[in-house]
Amino acid sequence: MSLVSRLKEKEQVIELSRSEASINAQAVKKFVEENRKLSGECEDLAKQCKNWEENALPSRP
């Protein structure tokens, strides 16, 4: 195998690795965004539950 063909092969491997890394980075970014969104929703639900408990349950002596 000539040096030129080996170099081209290695360049293809590098390009494939870059493409995979880019796809993985996009997936991680989407995961983080969704996780933040869900965290905010959970916080809102916890506040709502606390509010209901405070307003619906009779006070204990």
Protein backbone atom coordinates (compact mmCIF):
# COMPACT_ATOMS: atom_id res chain seq x y z
CA MET A 1 0.00 0.00 0.00
CA SER A 2 1.44 3.35 -0.96
CA LEU A 3 1.90 6.20 1.49
CA VAL A 4 -0.64 8.31 -0.36
CA SER A 5 -3.36 5.66 -0.10
CA ARG A 6 -2.56 5.10 3.59
CA LEU A 7 -2.77 8.84 4.19
CA LYS A 8 -6.15 9.01 2.45
CA GLU A 9 -7.38 6.08 4.51
CA LYS A 10 -6.30 7.80 7.74
CA GLU A 11 -7.95 11.05 6.63
CA GLN A 12 -11.20 9.15 6.10
CA VAL A 13 -10.93 7.67 9.59
CA ILE A 14 -10.33 11.13 11.04
CA GLU A 15 -13.28 12.60 9.16
CA LEU A 16 -15.54 9.77 10.31
CA SER A 17 -14.41 10.33 13.90
CA ARG A 18 -15.13 14.05 13.60
CA SER A 19 -18.60 13.33 12.25
CA GLU A 20 -19.35 10.91 15.07
CA ALA A 21 -18.04 13.40 17.64
CA SER A 22 -20.28 16.10 16.20
CA ILE A 23 -23.33 13.85 16.33
CA ASN A 24 -22.49 12.86 19.91
CA ALA A 25 -22.04 16.50 20.93
CA GLN A 26 -25.45 17.37 19.47
CA ALA A 27 -27.04 14.46 21.33
CA VAL A 28 -25.43 15.54 24.61
CA LYS A 29 -26.58 19.13 24.09
CA LYS A 30 -30.15 17.97 23.42
CA PHE A 31 -30.03 15.72 26.50
CA VAL A 32 -28.81 18.57 28.72
CA GLU A 33 -31.51 20.92 27.41
CA GLU A 34 -34.24 18.33 27.97
CA ASN A 35 -32.87 17.54 31.43
CA ARG A 36 -32.97 21.24 32.39
CA LYS A 37 -36.52 21.51 31.10
CA LEU A 38 -37.63 18.46 33.09
CA SER A 39 -35.85 19.74 36.18
CA GLY A 40 -37.74 23.01 35.95
CA GLU A 41 -41.03 21.18 35.50
CA CYS A 42 -40.30 19.00 38.54
CA GLU A 43 -39.51 22.08 40.61
CA ASP A 44 -42.79 23.69 39.52
CA LEU A 45 -44.74 20.54 40.40
CA ALA A 46 -43.07 20.32 43.82
CA LYS A 47 -44.01 23.95 44.53
CA GLN A 48 -47.57 23.28 43.41
CA CYS A 49 -47.83 20.22 45.68
CA LYS A 50 -46.47 22.18 48.63
CA ASN A 51 -48.99 24.95 47.96
CA TRP A 52 -51.84 22.45 47.83
CA GLU A 53 -50.69 20.83 51.06
CA GLU A 54 -50.51 24.18 52.81
CA ASN A 55 -53.94 25.29 51.58
CA ALA A 56 -55.89 22.03 51.63
CA LEU A 57 -54.76 20.30 54.82
CA PRO A 58 -56.04 21.52 58.17
CA SER A 59 -53.43 23.06 60.43
CA ARG A 60 -52.21 20.80 63.19
CA PRO A 61 -52.07 22.12 66.75
